[in-house]
Protein backbone atom coordinates (compact mmCIF):
# COMPACT_ATOMS: atom_id res chain seq x y z
CA MET A 1 20.69 -4.44 -23.28
CA LYS A 2 20.97 -2.91 -19.84
CA SER A 3 18.71 -0.11 -18.65
CA ILE A 4 20.51 2.86 -17.20
CA VAL A 5 18.59 5.92 -16.05
CA ALA A 6 20.48 9.03 -15.03
CA GLY A 7 23.64 7.01 -14.44
CA ARG A 8 21.88 4.55 -12.11
CA TRP A 9 20.96 0.92 -12.67
CA PRO A 10 17.41 0.22 -11.48
CA VAL A 11 16.95 -3.23 -9.98
CA THR A 12 13.16 -3.43 -10.03
CA ALA A 13 10.47 -2.07 -12.34
CA THR A 14 9.37 0.30 -9.59
CA GLU A 15 12.87 1.75 -9.32
CA PHE A 16 12.98 2.16 -13.09
CA VAL A 17 9.70 4.12 -13.12
CA GLU A 18 10.83 6.28 -10.20
CA LEU A 19 14.14 7.10 -11.89
CA ALA A 20 12.69 7.59 -15.36
CA LEU A 21 9.78 9.80 -14.30
CA GLY A 22 11.38 11.47 -11.32
CA ILE A 23 8.43 10.81 -9.00
CA ASP A 24 8.14 8.76 -5.84
CA LEU A 25 5.48 6.12 -6.44
CA GLU A 26 4.75 5.70 -2.73
CA LEU A 27 3.74 9.37 -2.60
CA PHE A 28 0.85 8.58 -4.93
CA THR A 29 0.05 5.00 -3.90
CA GLY A 30 0.57 5.09 -0.14
CA SER A 31 1.61 2.45 2.33
CA PRO A 32 -0.59 -0.21 3.92
CA THR A 33 0.68 0.72 7.38
CA GLU A 34 0.06 4.48 7.23
CA SER A 35 -2.33 6.07 9.68
CA ALA A 36 -5.29 8.20 8.65
CA MET A 37 -3.38 11.36 9.59
CA ASP A 38 -0.32 10.24 7.58
CA ARG A 39 -2.56 9.43 4.61
CA ALA A 40 -4.17 12.87 4.70
CA ALA A 41 -0.76 14.58 4.82
CA ARG A 42 0.58 12.38 2.01
CA LEU A 43 -2.43 13.15 -0.20
CA ASP A 44 -2.04 16.90 0.41
CA VAL A 45 1.58 16.76 -0.72
CA ALA A 46 0.68 14.50 -3.67
CA ARG A 47 -1.93 17.01 -4.86
CA GLU A 48 0.60 19.86 -4.68
CA VAL A 49 3.18 17.82 -6.61
CA LEU A 50 0.52 16.87 -9.13
CA ALA A 51 -0.41 20.53 -9.68
CA ASP A 52 3.25 21.35 -10.40
CA LEU A 53 3.57 18.34 -12.69
CA TRP A 54 0.58 19.43 -14.80
CA GLU A 55 2.44 22.67 -15.55
CA SER A 56 5.84 21.11 -16.30
CA ASP A 57 5.14 17.59 -17.59
CA PRO A 58 1.49 16.78 -18.40
CA GLU A 59 2.28 13.19 -19.47
CA THR A 60 3.91 12.31 -16.15
CA ALA A 61 1.11 14.17 -14.34
CA ALA A 62 -1.48 12.01 -16.09
CA TYR A 63 0.39 8.88 -14.98
CA ALA A 64 0.69 10.13 -11.39
CA GLU A 65 -3.00 11.02 -11.32
CA SER A 66 -3.90 7.54 -12.52
CA LEU A 67 -1.87 6.15 -9.61
CA LEU A 68 -3.96 8.20 -7.20
CA ARG A 69 -7.19 6.90 -8.74
CA ALA A 70 -6.31 3.33 -9.65
CA LEU A 71 -4.16 2.09 -6.79
CA PRO A 72 -5.76 2.94 -3.48
CA LEU A 73 -4.22 0.68 -0.89
CA LYS A 74 -6.73 -0.91 1.41
CA GLN A 75 -6.17 -0.43 5.06
CA PRO A 76 -6.00 -3.63 7.10
CA ARG A 77 -9.21 -3.91 9.09
CA THR A 78 -10.05 -5.93 12.11
CA THR A 79 -13.15 -8.02 11.65
CA GLY A 80 -14.16 -7.79 15.28
CA ARG A 81 -14.12 -11.57 15.47
CA ARG A 82 -11.88 -13.50 17.75
CA THR A 83 -9.37 -15.85 16.29
CA ARG A 84 -10.29 -19.50 16.32
CA ARG A 85 -8.73 -21.41 19.16
CA ALA A 86 -7.75 -25.01 19.09
CA ALA A 87 -10.39 -27.29 20.55
CA VAL A 88 -9.76 -28.19 24.15
CA ARG A 89 -10.38 -31.84 24.79
CA ARG A 90 -11.83 -32.75 28.15
CA PRO A 91 -10.83 -35.95 29.92
CA VAL A 92 -13.12 -38.93 29.28
CA HIS A 93 -14.62 -38.92 32.78
CA GLU A 94 -15.76 -35.26 32.35
CA ARG A 95 -17.38 -35.99 28.97
CA ALA A 96 -19.29 -38.92 30.48
CA ALA A 97 -20.54 -36.73 33.33
CA VAL A 98 -21.80 -34.07 30.93
CA ALA A 99 -23.59 -36.62 28.72
CA ALA A 100 -25.42 -38.17 31.68
């Protein structure tokens, strides 16, 4: 049996949820590449959409709210450590001079 939502054929499970519920999942889950300013703006819009959803469709609102709580995307962080470089081998005569 094929799944058709609103005359469209979703390819992935994410597309199916977006079509079935009528919400954009990325609005509630975010993107790993978003900046802090983008994240703040996205969360403001998500809260407004969530407030409207509670009035019109409480079941979908509960799902969207769980996305906000359960799926925070972690921002990639730099560790402050340099990447490991390949060992540089010195010529034999330099190693002998250092050992002496």
